Amino acid sequence: MPTIQTKAQLMTASEIDRTLVRLAHEVVDKNDTSEQLAVIGIHRRGAVLGERLSDKVSQLRSRKVAYGSLDIKLYRDDLSAVADHPVVSSGEIPFAIDGLDVILVDDVLYTGRTVQSALGSLIARGSPRTIQLCTLIDRGHRLLPIEARFVGKDVETSISEIIEVKLMPIDGEERVLLVEKEN
């Protein structure tokens, strides 16, 4: 049975927060003329980050930015494959997305399959004006032509390495780790 070894701490709690502040500024700068901005986070940790990003963008714009979440089950790029394809459940998007500029937030961008499923779910719900991807960590190894517009940190990894994003409401701590599976 493989064991997991921590190789490095990539971000502390304060670095995560500073990165979200920077990303919020980038979102506002790139969407300065948008009157219809919304943030949608991908469960679980992308939803936590998305809500924080929405709050920070709202503060910068001095008006509330709509926030919602998508729940993608049975597949996570950062875990071993449980199914051939991700399954999207309803999530909580309490507004119509037609005509909106949507910022889709995920914690780690890896192969792109999770984002692909989220995009399909969003498009099935309506016709957003734009969908822009925001991720805390981009670790490469894409299988699909998916690219984030807003990236907190690029981290080169090997296939055996895993990025673990730990957030307070889920994990009881705040940090980002680079770990590796050992056989």
C-alpha atoms as a PDB file:
ATOM      1  CA  MET A   1       0.000   0.000   0.000  1.00  0.00           C
ATOM      2  CA  PRO A   2       1.495   3.377  -0.998  1.00  0.00           C
ATOM      3  CA  THR A   3       2.308   5.947   1.659  1.00  0.00           C
ATOM      4  CA  ILE A   4       2.201   9.708   1.260  1.00  0.00           C
ATOM      5  CA  GLN A   5       5.262  11.814   2.026  1.00  0.00           C
ATOM      6  CA  THR A   6       5.137  15.609   2.349  1.00  0.00           C
ATOM      7  CA  LYS A   7       7.812  17.123   0.105  1.00  0.00           C
ATOM      8  CA  ALA A   8       7.180  20.839   0.596  1.00  0.00           C
ATOM      9  CA  GLN A   9       4.784  23.411   1.908  1.00  0.00           C
ATOM     10  CA  LEU A  10       3.914  25.606  -1.073  1.00  0.00           C
ATOM     11  CA  MET A  11       1.689  28.165   0.632  1.00  0.00           C
ATOM     12  CA  THR A  12       0.816  29.234   4.174  1.00  0.00           C
ATOM     13  CA  ALA A  13      -2.568  30.626   5.240  1.00  0.00           C
ATOM     14  CA  SER A  14      -1.361  34.211   4.766  1.00  0.00           C
ATOM     15  CA  GLU A  15       0.054  33.370   1.323  1.00  0.00           C
ATOM     16  CA  ILE A  16      -3.281  31.847   0.283  1.00  0.00           C
ATOM     17  CA  ASP A  17      -5.056  35.020   1.383  1.00  0.00           C
ATOM     18  CA  ARG A  18      -2.545  37.319  -0.361  1.00  0.00           C
ATOM     19  CA  THR A  19      -2.898  35.249  -3.518  1.00  0.00           C
ATOM     20  CA  LEU A  20      -6.700  35.594  -3.392  1.00  0.00           C
ATOM     21  CA  VAL A  21      -6.329  39.364  -2.985  1.00  0.00           C
ATOM     22  CA  ARG A  22      -4.063  39.474  -6.058  1.00  0.00           C
ATOM     23  CA  LEU A  23      -6.457  37.267  -8.032  1.00  0.00           C
ATOM     24  CA  ALA A  24      -9.384  39.506  -7.039  1.00  0.00           C
ATOM     25  CA  HIS A  25      -7.505  42.530  -8.379  1.00  0.00           C
ATOM     26  CA  GLU A  26      -6.795  40.675 -11.638  1.00  0.00           C
ATOM     27  CA  VAL A  27     -10.464  39.671 -11.966  1.00  0.00           C
ATOM     28  CA  VAL A  28     -11.571  43.271 -11.440  1.00  0.00           C
ATOM     29  CA  ASP A  29      -8.942  44.622 -13.862  1.00  0.00           C
ATOM     30  CA  LYS A  30      -9.890  42.168 -16.626  1.00  0.00           C
ATOM     31  CA  ASN A  31     -13.635  42.646 -16.047  1.00  0.00           C
ATOM     32  CA  ASP A  32     -13.740  46.364 -15.275  1.00  0.00           C
ATOM     33  CA  THR A  33     -16.596  47.053 -17.692  1.00  0.00           C
ATOM     34  CA  SER A  34     -18.675  44.024 -16.744  1.00  0.00           C
ATOM     35  CA  GLU A  35     -21.867  44.860 -14.891  1.00  0.00           C
ATOM     36  CA  GLN A  36     -22.884  41.190 -14.760  1.00  0.00           C
ATOM     37  CA  LEU A  37     -20.044  39.418 -12.941  1.00  0.00           C
ATOM     38  CA  ALA A  38     -20.559  36.185 -10.970  1.00  0.00           C
ATOM     39  CA  VAL A  39     -18.223  33.728  -9.231  1.00  0.00           C
ATOM     40  CA  ILE A  40     -18.955  29.992  -9.203  1.00  0.00           C
ATOM     41  CA  GLY A  41     -16.746  27.625  -7.215  1.00  0.00           C
ATOM     42  CA  ILE A  42     -16.281  23.927  -7.862  1.00  0.00           C
ATOM     43  CA  HIS A  43     -16.870  21.819  -4.731  1.00  0.00           C
ATOM     44  CA  ARG A  44     -15.257  21.321  -2.350  1.00  0.00           C
ATOM     45  CA  ARG A  45     -12.218  23.490  -1.963  1.00  0.00           C
ATOM     46  CA  GLY A  46     -12.874  25.505  -5.125  1.00  0.00           C
ATOM     47  CA  ALA A  47     -16.206  26.484  -3.598  1.00  0.00           C
ATOM     48  CA  VAL A  48     -14.479  27.765  -0.441  1.00  0.00           C
ATOM     49  CA  LEU A  49     -11.927  29.686  -2.508  1.00  0.00           C
ATOM     50  CA  GLY A  50     -14.659  30.957  -4.834  1.00  0.00           C
ATOM     51  CA  GLU A  51     -16.690  32.364  -1.965  1.00  0.00           C
ATOM     52  CA  ARG A  52     -13.608  34.127  -0.591  1.00  0.00           C
ATOM     53  CA  LEU A  53     -12.759  35.465  -4.051  1.00  0.00           C
ATOM     54  CA  SER A  54     -16.337  36.684  -4.519  1.00  0.00           C
ATOM     55  CA  ASP A  55     -16.131  38.580  -1.208  1.00  0.00           C
ATOM     56  CA  LYS A  56     -12.818  40.198  -2.183  1.00  0.00           C
ATOM     57  CA  VAL A  57     -14.070  41.173  -5.659  1.00  0.00           C
ATOM     58  CA  SER A  58     -17.246  42.575  -4.076  1.00  0.00           C
ATOM     59  CA  GLN A  59     -15.132  44.745  -1.751  1.00  0.00           C
ATOM     60  CA  LEU A  60     -13.007  46.031  -4.626  1.00  0.00           C
ATOM     61  CA  ARG A  61     -16.059  46.815  -6.776  1.00  0.00           C
ATOM     62  CA  SER A  62     -18.084  48.206  -3.857  1.00  0.00           C
ATOM     63  CA  ARG A  63     -21.047  46.047  -4.846  1.00  0.00           C
ATOM     64  CA  LYS A  64     -22.077  42.453  -4.264  1.00  0.00           C
ATOM     65  CA  VAL A  65     -20.875  39.901  -6.806  1.00  0.00           C
ATOM     66  CA  ALA A  66     -23.178  36.897  -7.209  1.00  0.00           C
ATOM     67  CA  TYR A  67     -21.764  33.633  -5.871  1.00  0.00           C
ATOM     68  CA  GLY A  68     -22.736  30.020  -6.519  1.00  0.00           C
ATOM     69  CA  SER A  69     -21.196  26.551  -6.491  1.00  0.00           C
ATOM     70  CA  LEU A  70     -21.113  23.365  -8.543  1.00  0.00           C
ATOM     71  CA  ASP A  71     -20.755  19.922  -7.007  1.00  0.00           C
ATOM     72  CA  ILE A  72     -18.746  17.479  -9.117  1.00  0.00           C
ATOM     73  CA  LYS A  73     -18.701  13.970  -7.655  1.00  0.00           C
ATOM     74  CA  LEU A  74     -17.050  10.616  -8.316  1.00  0.00           C
ATOM     75  CA  TYR A  75     -13.946  12.149  -9.799  1.00  0.00           C
ATOM     76  CA  ARG A  76     -11.226  14.389  -8.554  1.00  0.00           C
ATOM     77  CA  ASP A  77      -8.008  14.930 -10.489  1.00  0.00           C
ATOM     78  CA  ASP A  78      -6.080  14.982  -7.234  1.00  0.00           C
ATOM     79  CA  LEU A  79      -7.297  11.529  -6.204  1.00  0.00           C
ATOM     80  CA  SER A  80      -7.191   8.212  -7.988  1.00  0.00           C
ATOM     81  CA  ALA A  81      -9.855   7.832 -10.662  1.00  0.00           C
ATOM     82  CA  VAL A  82     -13.073   6.455  -9.242  1.00  0.00           C
ATOM     83  CA  ALA A  83     -15.026   6.664 -12.466  1.00  0.00           C
ATOM     84  CA  ASP A  84     -14.317   7.210 -16.133  1.00  0.00           C
ATOM     85  CA  HIS A  85     -16.038  10.591 -16.158  1.00  0.00           C
ATOM     86  CA  PRO A  86     -16.898  13.188 -13.542  1.00  0.00           C
ATOM     87  CA  VAL A  87     -20.530  13.408 -12.482  1.00  0.00           C
ATOM     88  CA  VAL A  88     -22.023  16.830 -11.819  1.00  0.00           C
ATOM     89  CA  SER A  89     -24.780  17.205  -9.252  1.00  0.00           C
ATOM     90  CA  SER A  90     -26.896  20.267  -8.876  1.00  0.00           C
ATOM     91  CA  GLY A  91     -24.785  22.514  -6.672  1.00  0.00           C
ATOM     92  CA  GLU A  92     -26.131  25.838  -5.548  1.00  0.00           C
ATOM     93  CA  ILE A  93     -26.412  28.550  -8.188  1.00  0.00           C
ATOM     94  CA  PRO A  94     -29.259  30.779  -6.979  1.00  0.00           C
ATOM     95  CA  PHE A  95     -29.304  32.999 -10.072  1.00  0.00           C
ATOM     96  CA  ALA A  96     -29.683  32.722 -13.845  1.00  0.00           C
ATOM     97  CA  ILE A  97     -26.300  32.674 -15.610  1.00  0.00           C
ATOM     98  CA  ASP A  98     -27.538  33.971 -18.979  1.00  0.00           C
ATOM     99  CA  GLY A  99     -25.441  36.943 -20.088  1.00  0.00           C
ATOM    100  CA  LEU A 100     -23.130  36.816 -17.065  1.00  0.00           C
ATOM    101  CA  ASP A 101     -19.350  36.960 -17.025  1.00  0.00           C
ATOM    102  CA  VAL A 102     -18.664  33.896 -14.882  1.00  0.00           C
ATOM    103  CA  ILE A 103     -15.440  33.338 -12.956  1.00  0.00           C
ATOM    104  CA  LEU A 104     -15.211  29.557 -12.445  1.00  0.00           C
ATOM    105  CA  VAL A 105     -12.962  28.703  -9.476  1.00  0.00           C
ATOM    106  CA  ASP A 106     -11.139  25.439  -8.774  1.00  0.00           C
ATOM    107  CA  ASP A 107      -8.403  24.807  -6.228  1.00  0.00           C
ATOM    108  CA  VAL A 108      -6.008  22.815  -8.446  1.00  0.00           C
ATOM    109  CA  LEU A 109      -5.955  22.618 -12.237  1.00  0.00           C
ATOM    110  CA  TYR A 110      -4.478  19.308 -13.363  1.00  0.00           C
ATOM    111  CA  THR A 111      -5.793  17.251 -16.305  1.00  0.00           C
ATOM    112  CA  GLY A 112      -8.752  19.536 -17.011  1.00  0.00           C
ATOM    113  CA  ARG A 113     -11.443  16.860 -16.697  1.00  0.00           C
ATOM    114  CA  THR A 114     -13.085  18.393 -13.638  1.00  0.00           C
ATOM    115  CA  VAL A 115     -13.229  21.795 -15.339  1.00  0.00           C
ATOM    116  CA  GLN A 116     -14.594  20.203 -18.518  1.00  0.00           C
ATOM    117  CA  SER A 117     -17.494  18.745 -16.535  1.00  0.00           C
ATOM    118  CA  ALA A 118     -18.114  22.046 -14.783  1.00  0.00           C
ATOM    119  CA  LEU A 119     -18.165  23.871 -18.127  1.00  0.00           C
ATOM    120  CA  GLY A 120     -20.695  21.384 -19.497  1.00  0.00           C
ATOM    121  CA  SER A 121     -22.897  21.882 -16.456  1.00  0.00           C
ATOM    122  CA  LEU A 122     -22.739  25.665 -16.718  1.00  0.00           C
ATOM    123  CA  ILE A 123     -23.576  25.668 -20.416  1.00  0.00           C
ATOM    124  CA  ALA A 124     -26.496  23.295 -19.778  1.00  0.00           C
ATOM    125  CA  ARG A 125     -27.882  25.863 -17.297  1.00  0.00           C
ATOM    126  CA  GLY A 126     -27.812  28.802 -19.678  1.00  0.00           C
ATOM    127  CA  SER A 127     -25.687  31.020 -21.868  1.00  0.00           C
ATOM    128  CA  PRO A 128     -23.124  32.989 -19.919  1.00  0.00           C
ATOM    129  CA  ARG A 129     -21.450  35.808 -21.853  1.00  0.00           C
ATOM    130  CA  THR A 130     -18.010  34.497 -20.828  1.00  0.00           C
ATOM    131  CA  ILE A 131     -16.577  31.793 -18.572  1.00  0.00           C
ATOM    132  CA  GLN A 132     -13.117  32.545 -17.184  1.00  0.00           C
ATOM    133  CA  LEU A 133     -11.232  29.942 -15.174  1.00  0.00           C
ATOM    134  CA  CYS A 134      -9.457  30.862 -11.941  1.00  0.00           C
ATOM    135  CA  THR A 135      -7.304  28.377 -10.020  1.00  0.00           C
ATOM    136  CA  LEU A 136      -5.180  28.638  -6.910  1.00  0.00           C
ATOM    137  CA  ILE A 137      -2.603  26.146  -8.256  1.00  0.00           C
ATOM    138  CA  ASP A 138      -1.887  25.098 -11.849  1.00  0.00           C
ATOM    139  CA  ARG A 139       0.185  21.924 -11.763  1.00  0.00           C
ATOM    140  CA  GLY A 140       0.267  21.178 -15.484  1.00  0.00           C
ATOM    141  CA  HIS A 141      -0.165  17.737 -17.082  1.00  0.00           C
ATOM    142  CA  ARG A 142      -3.265  18.803 -19.012  1.00  0.00           C
ATOM    143  CA  LEU A 143      -5.101  16.146 -21.003  1.00  0.00           C
ATOM    144  CA  LEU A 144      -7.546  18.687 -22.437  1.00  0.00           C
ATOM    145  CA  PRO A 145      -7.010  22.101 -24.039  1.00  0.00           C
ATOM    146  CA  ILE A 146      -8.121  23.969 -20.913  1.00  0.00           C
ATOM    147  CA  GLU A 147      -6.224  26.960 -19.587  1.00  0.00           C
ATOM    148  CA  ALA A 148      -6.858  29.193 -16.592  1.00  0.00           C
ATOM    149  CA  ARG A 149      -7.092  32.934 -17.146  1.00  0.00           C
ATOM    150  CA  PHE A 150      -6.296  33.629 -13.498  1.00  0.00           C
ATOM    151  CA  VAL A 151      -3.615  31.517 -11.763  1.00  0.00           C
ATOM    152  CA  GLY A 152      -2.470  31.889  -8.179  1.00  0.00           C
ATOM    153  CA  LYS A 153       0.692  29.831  -8.580  1.00  0.00           C
ATOM    154  CA  ASP A 154       2.198  27.573 -11.240  1.00  0.00           C
ATOM    155  CA  VAL A 155       3.819  24.467  -9.750  1.00  0.00           C
ATOM    156  CA  GLU A 156       5.712  21.968 -11.860  1.00  0.00           C
ATOM    157  CA  THR A 157       4.963  18.465 -10.648  1.00  0.00           C
ATOM    158  CA  SER A 158       5.671  14.886 -11.596  1.00  0.00           C
ATOM    159  CA  ILE A 159       2.819  12.449 -12.138  1.00  0.00           C
ATOM    160  CA  SER A 160       3.522  10.821  -8.738  1.00  0.00           C
ATOM    161  CA  GLU A 161       3.229  14.141  -6.919  1.00  0.00           C
ATOM    162  CA  ILE A 162      -0.035  15.548  -5.570  1.00  0.00           C
ATOM    163  CA  ILE A 163      -1.011  19.059  -4.567  1.00  0.00           C
ATOM    164  CA  GLU A 164      -3.025  19.106  -1.335  1.00  0.00           C
ATOM    165  CA  VAL A 165      -4.965  22.297  -0.672  1.00  0.00           C
ATOM    166  CA  LYS A 166      -6.091  22.383   2.944  1.00  0.00           C
ATOM    167  CA  LEU A 167      -8.708  24.948   3.929  1.00  0.00           C
ATOM    168  CA  MET A 168     -10.103  25.758   7.351  1.00  0.00           C
ATOM    169  CA  PRO A 169     -13.775  24.881   7.009  1.00  0.00           C
ATOM    170  CA  ILE A 170     -12.972  21.473   5.486  1.00  0.00           C
ATOM    171  CA  ASP A 171      -9.581  20.439   6.855  1.00  0.00           C
ATOM    172  CA  GLY A 172      -9.169  22.467  10.038  1.00  0.00           C
ATOM    173  CA  GLU A 173      -6.005  24.115   8.688  1.00  0.00           C
ATOM    174  CA  GLU A 174      -4.901  26.466   5.888  1.00  0.00           C
ATOM    175  CA  ARG A 175      -1.961  25.559   3.667  1.00  0.00           C
ATOM    176  CA  VAL A 176      -0.951  24.058   0.353  1.00  0.00           C
ATOM    177  CA  LEU A 177       1.347  21.039   0.315  1.00  0.00           C
ATOM    178  CA  LEU A 178       3.277  19.156  -2.330  1.00  0.00           C
ATOM    179  CA  VAL A 179       3.161  15.454  -1.431  1.00  0.00           C
ATOM    180  CA  GLU A 180       4.306  12.304  -3.178  1.00  0.00           C
ATOM    181  CA  LYS A 181       3.034   8.759  -3.234  1.00  0.00           C
ATOM    182  CA  GLU A 182       5.678   6.214  -2.305  1.00  0.00           C
ATOM    183  CA  ASN A 183       5.295   2.500  -2.988  1.00  0.00           C
END
